[in-house]
Amino acid sequence: MGLIWSLIVGAIIGAVAGAITGKGMGWIANIVAGLVGSAIGQSLFGSWGPSLAGMALVPSIIGAVILVAVVSFFFSRRTSN
């Protein structure tokens, strides 16, 4: 049950990050962005604030926003010749 709860919280964090950055993502991308963003955010900013499923929400959302912004920057670049 703990894994399912982590996936649900990761999906919510990813969805919030997508809404903040204005980048629409699918539910699998939301889960990945939420989980990876949580790891990035907690390693950069620590684990302060409220937490769910072992993820501090505020640093996790900030980390997910950073991740979504960086990934969308690299994948939205178009080369012109």
PDB file of N, CA and C in Angstrom:
ATOM      1  N   MET A   1       0.817  -1.194   0.000  1.00  0.00           N
ATOM      2  CA  MET A   1       0.000   0.000   0.000  1.00  0.00           C
ATOM      3  C   MET A   1       0.861   1.258   0.000  1.00  0.00           C
ATOM      4  N   GLY A   2       2.055   1.178   0.593  1.00  0.00           N
ATOM      5  CA  GLY A   2       2.944   2.333   0.643  1.00  0.00           C
ATOM      6  C   GLY A   2       3.405   2.769  -0.731  1.00  0.00           C
ATOM      7  N   LEU A   3       3.654   1.804  -1.626  1.00  0.00           N
ATOM      8  CA  LEU A   3       4.081   2.141  -2.983  1.00  0.00           C
ATOM      9  C   LEU A   3       2.965   2.848  -3.744  1.00  0.00           C
ATOM     10  N   ILE A   4       1.754   2.381  -3.601  1.00  0.00           N
ATOM     11  CA  ILE A   4       0.619   3.010  -4.274  1.00  0.00           C
ATOM     12  C   ILE A   4       0.433   4.431  -3.764  1.00  0.00           C
ATOM     13  N   TRP A   5       0.557   4.628  -2.454  1.00  0.00           N
ATOM     14  CA  TRP A   5       0.421   5.957  -1.875  1.00  0.00           C
ATOM     15  C   TRP A   5       1.518   6.886  -2.405  1.00  0.00           C
ATOM     16  N   SER A   6       2.746   6.398  -2.524  1.00  0.00           N
ATOM     17  CA  SER A   6       3.844   7.207  -3.070  1.00  0.00           C
ATOM     18  C   SER A   6       3.583   7.583  -4.521  1.00  0.00           C
ATOM     19  N   LEU A   7       3.048   6.659  -5.310  1.00  0.00           N
ATOM     20  CA  LEU A   7       2.728   6.963  -6.703  1.00  0.00           C
ATOM     21  C   LEU A   7       1.624   8.006  -6.812  1.00  0.00           C
ATOM     22  N   ILE A   8       0.628   7.919  -5.940  1.00  0.00           N
ATOM     23  CA  ILE A   8      -0.467   8.889  -5.961  1.00  0.00           C
ATOM     24  C   ILE A   8       0.045  10.278  -5.585  1.00  0.00           C
ATOM     25  N   VAL A   9       0.841  10.360  -4.531  1.00  0.00           N
ATOM     26  CA  VAL A   9       1.389  11.656  -4.106  1.00  0.00           C
ATOM     27  C   VAL A   9       2.341  12.193  -5.174  1.00  0.00           C
ATOM     28  N   GLY A  10       3.144  11.320  -5.783  1.00  0.00           N
ATOM     29  CA  GLY A  10       4.026  11.743  -6.870  1.00  0.00           C
ATOM     30  C   GLY A  10       3.251  12.289  -8.053  1.00  0.00           C
ATOM     31  N   ALA A  11       2.134  11.658  -8.377  1.00  0.00           N
ATOM     32  CA  ALA A  11       1.292  12.141  -9.482  1.00  0.00           C
ATOM     33  C   ALA A  11       0.702  13.504  -9.159  1.00  0.00           C
ATOM     34  N   ILE A  12       0.298  13.712  -7.926  1.00  0.00           N
ATOM     35  CA  ILE A  12      -0.256  15.006  -7.530  1.00  0.00           C
ATOM     36  C   ILE A  12       0.820  16.086  -7.581  1.00  0.00           C
ATOM     37  N   ILE A  13       2.010  15.773  -7.089  1.00  0.00           N
ATOM     38  CA  ILE A  13       3.115  16.738  -7.130  1.00  0.00           C
ATOM     39  C   ILE A  13       3.462  17.069  -8.580  1.00  0.00           C
ATOM     40  N   GLY A  14       3.516  16.065  -9.443  1.00  0.00           N
ATOM     41  CA  GLY A  14       3.796  16.297 -10.857  1.00  0.00           C
ATOM     42  C   GLY A  14       2.717  17.117 -11.531  1.00  0.00           C
ATOM     43  N   ALA A  15       1.462  16.876 -11.179  1.00  0.00           N
ATOM     44  CA  ALA A  15       0.358  17.644 -11.760  1.00  0.00           C
ATOM     45  C   ALA A  15       0.414  19.103 -11.318  1.00  0.00           C
ATOM     46  N   VAL A  16       0.744  19.337 -10.065  1.00  0.00           N
ATOM     47  CA  VAL A  16       0.885  20.708  -9.573  1.00  0.00           C
ATOM     48  C   VAL A  16       2.044  21.401 -10.288  1.00  0.00           C
ATOM     49  N   ALA A  17       3.163  20.707 -10.456  1.00  0.00           N
ATOM     50  CA  ALA A  17       4.308  21.287 -11.161  1.00  0.00           C
ATOM     51  C   ALA A  17       3.957  21.593 -12.611  1.00  0.00           C
ATOM     52  N   GLY A  18       3.221  20.713 -13.261  1.00  0.00           N
ATOM     53  CA  GLY A  18       2.779  20.961 -14.628  1.00  0.00           C
ATOM     54  C   GLY A  18       1.844  22.145 -14.721  1.00  0.00           C
ATOM     55  N   ALA A  19       0.974  22.302 -13.737  1.00  0.00           N
ATOM     56  CA  ALA A  19       0.055  23.439 -13.727  1.00  0.00           C
ATOM     57  C   ALA A  19       0.802  24.753 -13.490  1.00  0.00           C
ATOM     58  N   ILE A  20       1.804  24.723 -12.630  1.00  0.00           N
ATOM     59  CA  ILE A  20       2.578  25.934 -12.350  1.00  0.00           C
ATOM     60  C   ILE A  20       3.371  26.360 -13.575  1.00  0.00           C
ATOM     61  N   THR A  21       3.986  25.404 -14.260  1.00  0.00           N
ATOM     62  CA  THR A  21       4.810  25.737 -15.427  1.00  0.00           C
ATOM     63  C   THR A  21       3.986  25.899 -16.694  1.00  0.00           C
ATOM     64  N   GLY A  22       2.751  25.452 -16.688  1.00  0.00           N
ATOM     65  CA  GLY A  22       1.900  25.559 -17.870  1.00  0.00           C
ATOM     66  C   GLY A  22       2.179  24.480 -18.904  1.00  0.00           C
ATOM     67  N   LYS A  23       2.841  23.415 -18.514  1.00  0.00           N
ATOM     68  CA  LYS A  23       3.150  22.309 -19.418  1.00  0.00           C
ATOM     69  C   LYS A  23       2.216  21.145 -19.118  1.00  0.00           C
ATOM     70  N   GLY A  24       1.401  20.775 -20.084  1.00  0.00           N
ATOM     71  CA  GLY A  24       0.506  19.647 -19.909  1.00  0.00           C
ATOM     72  C   GLY A  24       1.256  18.333 -20.083  1.00  0.00           C
ATOM     73  N   MET A  25       1.064  17.415 -19.157  1.00  0.00           N
ATOM     74  CA  MET A  25       1.745  16.118 -19.209  1.00  0.00           C
ATOM     75  C   MET A  25       0.726  15.021 -18.974  1.00  0.00           C
ATOM     76  N   GLY A  26       1.067  13.818 -19.363  1.00  0.00           N
ATOM     77  CA  GLY A  26       0.224  12.664 -19.087  1.00  0.00           C
ATOM     78  C   GLY A  26       0.405  12.191 -17.662  1.00  0.00           C
ATOM     79  N   TRP A  27      -0.387  11.226 -17.251  1.00  0.00           N
ATOM     80  CA  TRP A  27      -0.322  10.790 -15.860  1.00  0.00           C
ATOM     81  C   TRP A  27       0.968  10.049 -15.541  1.00  0.00           C
ATOM     82  N   ILE A  28       1.553   9.341 -16.485  1.00  0.00           N
ATOM     83  CA  ILE A  28       2.841   8.674 -16.220  1.00  0.00           C
ATOM     84  C   ILE A  28       3.939   9.721 -16.068  1.00  0.00           C
ATOM     85  N   ALA A  29       3.926  10.739 -16.926  1.00  0.00           N
ATOM     86  CA  ALA A  29       4.912  11.819 -16.808  1.00  0.00           C
ATOM     87  C   ALA A  29       4.733  12.581 -15.500  1.00  0.00           C
ATOM     88  N   ASN A  30       3.496  12.737 -15.041  1.00  0.00           N
ATOM     89  CA  ASN A  30       3.255  13.388 -13.753  1.00  0.00           C
ATOM     90  C   ASN A  30       3.864  12.588 -12.612  1.00  0.00           C
ATOM     91  N   ILE A  31       3.695  11.282 -12.647  1.00  0.00           N
ATOM     92  CA  ILE A  31       4.253  10.430 -11.595  1.00  0.00           C
ATOM     93  C   ILE A  31       5.771  10.517 -11.594  1.00  0.00           C
ATOM     94  N   VAL A  32       6.378  10.398 -12.779  1.00  0.00           N
ATOM     95  CA  VAL A  32       7.841  10.455 -12.869  1.00  0.00           C
ATOM     96  C   VAL A  32       8.344  11.823 -12.422  1.00  0.00           C
ATOM     97  N   ALA A  33       7.702  12.897 -12.899  1.00  0.00           N
ATOM     98  CA  ALA A  33       8.120  14.250 -12.513  1.00  0.00           C
ATOM     99  C   ALA A  33       7.957  14.455 -11.014  1.00  0.00           C
ATOM    100  N   GLY A  34       6.904  13.930 -10.444  1.00  0.00           N
ATOM    101  CA  GLY A  34       6.681  14.077  -9.007  1.00  0.00           C
ATOM    102  C   GLY A  34       7.703  13.333  -8.178  1.00  0.00           C
ATOM    103  N   LEU A  35       7.998  12.098  -8.545  1.00  0.00           N
ATOM    104  CA  LEU A  35       8.951  11.302  -7.766  1.00  0.00           C
ATOM    105  C   LEU A  35      10.381  11.805  -7.926  1.00  0.00           C
ATOM    106  N   VAL A  36      10.789  12.058  -9.167  1.00  0.00           N
ATOM    107  CA  VAL A  36      12.149  12.554  -9.402  1.00  0.00           C
ATOM    108  C   VAL A  36      12.289  13.975  -8.869  1.00  0.00           C
ATOM    109  N   GLY A  37      11.273  14.803  -9.099  1.00  0.00           N
ATOM    110  CA  GLY A  37      11.294  16.163  -8.573  1.00  0.00           C
ATOM    111  C   GLY A  37      11.344  16.194  -7.059  1.00  0.00           C
ATOM    112  N   SER A  38      10.690  15.250  -6.425  1.00  0.00           N
ATOM    113  CA  SER A  38      10.739  15.152  -4.974  1.00  0.00           C
ATOM    114  C   SER A  38      12.153  14.860  -4.496  1.00  0.00           C
ATOM    115  N   ALA A  39      12.818  13.948  -5.163  1.00  0.00           N
ATOM    116  CA  ALA A  39      14.200  13.629  -4.786  1.00  0.00           C
ATOM    117  C   ALA A  39      15.116  14.831  -4.999  1.00  0.00           C
ATOM    118  N   ILE A  40      14.933  15.523  -6.120  1.00  0.00           N
ATOM    119  CA  ILE A  40      15.752  16.704  -6.410  1.00  0.00           C
ATOM    120  C   ILE A  40      15.475  17.805  -5.385  1.00  0.00           C
ATOM    121  N   GLY A  41      14.214  18.086  -5.156  1.00  0.00           N
ATOM    122  CA  GLY A  41      13.840  19.152  -4.226  1.00  0.00           C
ATOM    123  C   GLY A  41      14.304  18.898  -2.805  1.00  0.00           C
ATOM    124  N   GLN A  42      14.173  17.669  -2.342  1.00  0.00           N
ATOM    125  CA  GLN A  42      14.583  17.370  -0.985  1.00  0.00           C
ATOM    126  C   GLN A  42      16.102  17.358  -0.836  1.00  0.00           C
ATOM    127  N   SER A  43      16.820  17.007  -1.904  1.00  0.00           N
ATOM    128  CA  SER A  43      18.278  17.045  -1.808  1.00  0.00           C
ATOM    129  C   SER A  43      18.792  18.483  -1.859  1.00  0.00           C
ATOM    130  N   LEU A  44      18.092  19.360  -2.593  1.00  0.00           N
ATOM    131  CA  LEU A  44      18.524  20.757  -2.687  1.00  0.00           C
ATOM    132  C   LEU A  44      18.056  21.598  -1.501  1.00  0.00           C
ATOM    133  N   PHE A  45      16.809  21.412  -1.084  1.00  0.00           N
ATOM    134  CA  PHE A  45      16.203  22.299  -0.099  1.00  0.00           C
ATOM    135  C   PHE A  45      15.924  21.649   1.254  1.00  0.00           C
ATOM    136  N   GLY A  46      16.205  20.373   1.407  1.00  0.00           N
ATOM    137  CA  GLY A  46      15.921  19.685   2.657  1.00  0.00           C
ATOM    138  C   GLY A  46      14.492  19.199   2.725  1.00  0.00           C
ATOM    139  N   SER A  47      14.103  18.678   3.851  1.00  0.00           N
ATOM    140  CA  SER A  47      12.739  18.152   3.994  1.00  0.00           C
ATOM    141  C   SER A  47      12.011  18.915   5.089  1.00  0.00           C
ATOM    142  N   TRP A  48      11.586  20.122   4.753  1.00  0.00           N
ATOM    143  CA  TRP A  48      10.836  20.962   5.677  1.00  0.00           C
ATOM    144  C   TRP A  48       9.402  21.091   5.180  1.00  0.00           C
ATOM    145  N   GLY A  49       8.542  21.505   6.044  1.00  0.00           N
ATOM    146  CA  GLY A  49       7.140  21.657   5.676  1.00  0.00           C
ATOM    147  C   GLY A  49       6.385  20.355   5.825  1.00  0.00           C
ATOM    148  N   PRO A  50       5.124  20.369   5.456  1.00  0.00           N
ATOM    149  CA  PRO A  50       4.307  19.157   5.594  1.00  0.00           C
ATOM    150  C   PRO A  50       4.781  18.060   4.643  1.00  0.00           C
ATOM    151  N   SER A  51       4.554  16.820   5.042  1.00  0.00           N
ATOM    152  CA  SER A  51       4.976  15.712   4.188  1.00  0.00           C
ATOM    153  C   SER A  51       3.880  14.662   4.089  1.00  0.00           C
ATOM    154  N   LEU A  52       3.855  14.014   2.936  1.00  0.00           N
ATOM    155  CA  LEU A  52       2.953  12.891   2.676  1.00  0.00           C
ATOM    156  C   LEU A  52       3.772  11.794   2.026  1.00  0.00           C
ATOM    157  N   ALA A  53       3.560  10.581   2.439  1.00  0.00           N
ATOM    158  CA  ALA A  53       4.233   9.404   1.873  1.00  0.00           C
ATOM    159  C   ALA A  53       5.745   9.575   1.866  1.00  0.00           C
ATOM    160  N   GLY A  54       6.281  10.221   2.883  1.00  0.00           N
ATOM    161  CA  GLY A  54       7.724  10.391   2.988  1.00  0.00           C
ATOM    162  C   GLY A  54       8.290  11.494   2.106  1.00  0.00           C
ATOM    163  N   MET A  55       7.435  12.290   1.481  1.00  0.00           N
ATOM    164  CA  MET A  55       7.892  13.382   0.616  1.00  0.00           C
ATOM    165  C   MET A  55       7.457  14.714   1.217  1.00  0.00           C
ATOM    166  N   ALA A  56       8.437  15.580   1.476  1.00  0.00           N
ATOM    167  CA  ALA A  56       8.122  16.926   1.947  1.00  0.00           C
ATOM    168  C   ALA A  56       7.500  17.689   0.775  1.00  0.00           C
ATOM    169  N   LEU A  57       6.317  18.206   0.953  1.00  0.00           N
ATOM    170  CA  LEU A  57       5.536  18.734  -0.164  1.00  0.00           C
ATOM    171  C   LEU A  57       6.135  19.981  -0.807  1.00  0.00           C
ATOM    172  N   VAL A  58       6.534  20.962  -0.012  1.00  0.00           N
ATOM    173  CA  VAL A  58       7.008  22.218  -0.583  1.00  0.00           C
ATOM    174  C   VAL A  58       8.310  22.018  -1.369  1.00  0.00           C
ATOM    175  N   PRO A  59       9.360  21.399  -0.773  1.00  0.00           N
ATOM    176  CA  PRO A  59      10.575  21.170  -1.569  1.00  0.00           C
ATOM    177  C   PRO A  59      10.330  20.239  -2.756  1.00  0.00           C
ATOM    178  N   SER A  60       9.408  19.300  -2.627  1.00  0.00           N
ATOM    179  CA  SER A  60       9.107  18.383  -3.720  1.00  0.00           C
ATOM    180  C   SER A  60       8.466  19.112  -4.890  1.00  0.00           C
ATOM    181  N   ILE A  61       7.553  20.021  -4.606  1.00  0.00           N
ATOM    182  CA  ILE A  61       6.914  20.785  -5.678  1.00  0.00           C
ATOM    183  C   ILE A  61       7.928  21.700  -6.349  1.00  0.00           C
ATOM    184  N   ILE A  62       8.788  22.334  -5.561  1.00  0.00           N
ATOM    185  CA  ILE A  62       9.820  23.198  -6.141  1.00  0.00           C
ATOM    186  C   ILE A  62      10.762  22.382  -7.020  1.00  0.00           C
ATOM    187  N   GLY A  63      11.183  21.211  -6.546  1.00  0.00           N
ATOM    188  CA  GLY A  63      12.050  20.346  -7.345  1.00  0.00           C
ATOM    189  C   GLY A  63      11.374  19.858  -8.609  1.00  0.00           C
ATOM    190  N   ALA A  64      10.091  19.537  -8.531  1.00  0.00           N
ATOM    191  CA  ALA A  64       9.359  19.082  -9.716  1.00  0.00           C
ATOM    192  C   ALA A  64       9.190  20.215 -10.722  1.00  0.00           C
ATOM    193  N   VAL A  65       8.976  21.433 -10.240  1.00  0.00           N
ATOM    194  CA  VAL A  65       8.871  22.590 -11.149  1.00  0.00           C
ATOM    195  C   VAL A  65      10.199  22.787 -11.872  1.00  0.00           C
ATOM    196  N   ILE A  66      11.301  22.696 -11.142  1.00  0.00           N
ATOM    197  CA  ILE A  66      12.629  22.818 -11.757  1.00  0.00           C
ATOM    198  C   ILE A  66      12.818  21.729 -12.801  1.00  0.00           C
ATOM    199  N   LEU A  67      12.477  20.496 -12.459  1.00  0.00           N
ATOM    200  CA  LEU A  67      12.633  19.377 -13.389  1.00  0.00           C
ATOM    201  C   LEU A  67      11.787  19.567 -14.642  1.00  0.00           C
ATOM    202  N   VAL A  68      10.523  19.927 -14.484  1.00  0.00           N
ATOM    203  CA  VAL A  68       9.637  20.119 -15.634  1.00  0.00           C
ATOM    204  C   VAL A  68      10.138  21.257 -16.515  1.00  0.00           C
ATOM    205  N   ALA A  69      10.603  22.338 -15.896  1.00  0.00           N
ATOM    206  CA  ALA A  69      11.110  23.474 -16.667  1.00  0.00           C
ATOM    207  C   ALA A  69      12.352  23.097 -17.467  1.00  0.00           C
ATOM    208  N   VAL A  70      13.275  22.375 -16.849  1.00  0.00           N
ATOM    209  CA  VAL A  70      14.505  21.982 -17.538  1.00  0.00           C
ATOM    210  C   VAL A  70      14.202  20.990 -18.658  1.00  0.00           C
ATOM    211  N   VAL A  71      13.397  19.985 -18.382  1.00  0.00           N
ATOM    212  CA  VAL A  71      13.081  18.984 -19.399  1.00  0.00           C
ATOM    213  C   VAL A  71      12.306  19.612 -20.553  1.00  0.00           C
ATOM    214  N   SER A  72      11.353  20.483 -20.251  1.00  0.00           N
ATOM    215  CA  SER A  72      10.589  21.105 -21.333  1.00  0.00           C
ATOM    216  C   SER A  72      11.464  22.063 -22.145  1.00  0.00           C
ATOM    217  N   PHE A  73      12.464  22.673 -21.530  1.00  0.00           N
ATOM    218  CA  PHE A  73      13.388  23.533 -22.268  1.00  0.00           C
ATOM    219  C   PHE A  73      14.150  22.720 -23.303  1.00  0.00           C
ATOM    220  N   PHE A  74      14.661  21.558 -22.902  1.00  0.00           N
ATOM    221  CA  PHE A  74      15.451  20.755 -23.826  1.00  0.00           C
ATOM    222  C   PHE A  74      14.602  20.054 -24.884  1.00  0.00           C
ATOM    223  N   PHE A  75      13.390  19.646 -24.542  1.00  0.00           N
ATOM    224  CA  PHE A  75      12.563  18.941 -25.514  1.00  0.00           C
ATOM    225  C   PHE A  75      11.755  19.867 -26.407  1.00  0.00           C
ATOM    226  N   SER A  76      11.620  21.129 -26.029  1.00  0.00           N
ATOM    227  CA  SER A  76      10.857  22.036 -26.876  1.00  0.00           C
ATOM    228  C   SER A  76      11.743  22.845 -27.816  1.00  0.00           C
ATOM    229  N   ARG A  77      13.038  22.672 -27.715  1.00  0.00           N
ATOM    230  CA  ARG A  77      13.957  23.395 -28.616  1.00  0.00           C
ATOM    231  C   ARG A  77      13.839  22.852 -30.016  1.00  0.00           C
ATOM    232  N   ARG A  78      13.790  23.735 -30.966  1.00  0.00           N
ATOM    233  CA  ARG A  78      13.690  23.327 -32.368  1.00  0.00           C
ATOM    234  C   ARG A  78      14.904  23.891 -33.101  1.00  0.00           C
ATOM    235  N   THR A  79      15.444  23.080 -33.964  1.00  0.00           N
ATOM    236  CA  THR A  79      16.585  23.550 -34.749  1.00  0.00           C
ATOM    237  C   THR A  79      16.084  24.129 -36.064  1.00  0.00           C
ATOM    238  N   SER A  80      16.649  25.219 -36.441  1.00  0.00           N
ATOM    239  CA  SER A  80      16.261  25.816 -37.730  1.00  0.00           C
ATOM    240  C   SER A  80      17.483  25.870 -38.636  1.00  0.00           C
ATOM    241  N   ASN A  81      17.300  25.448 -39.846  1.00  0.00           N
ATOM    242  CA  ASN A  81      18.395  25.450 -40.836  1.00  0.00           C
ATOM    243  C   ASN A  81      18.083  26.353 -41.983  1.00  0.00           C
TER     244      ASN A  81
END
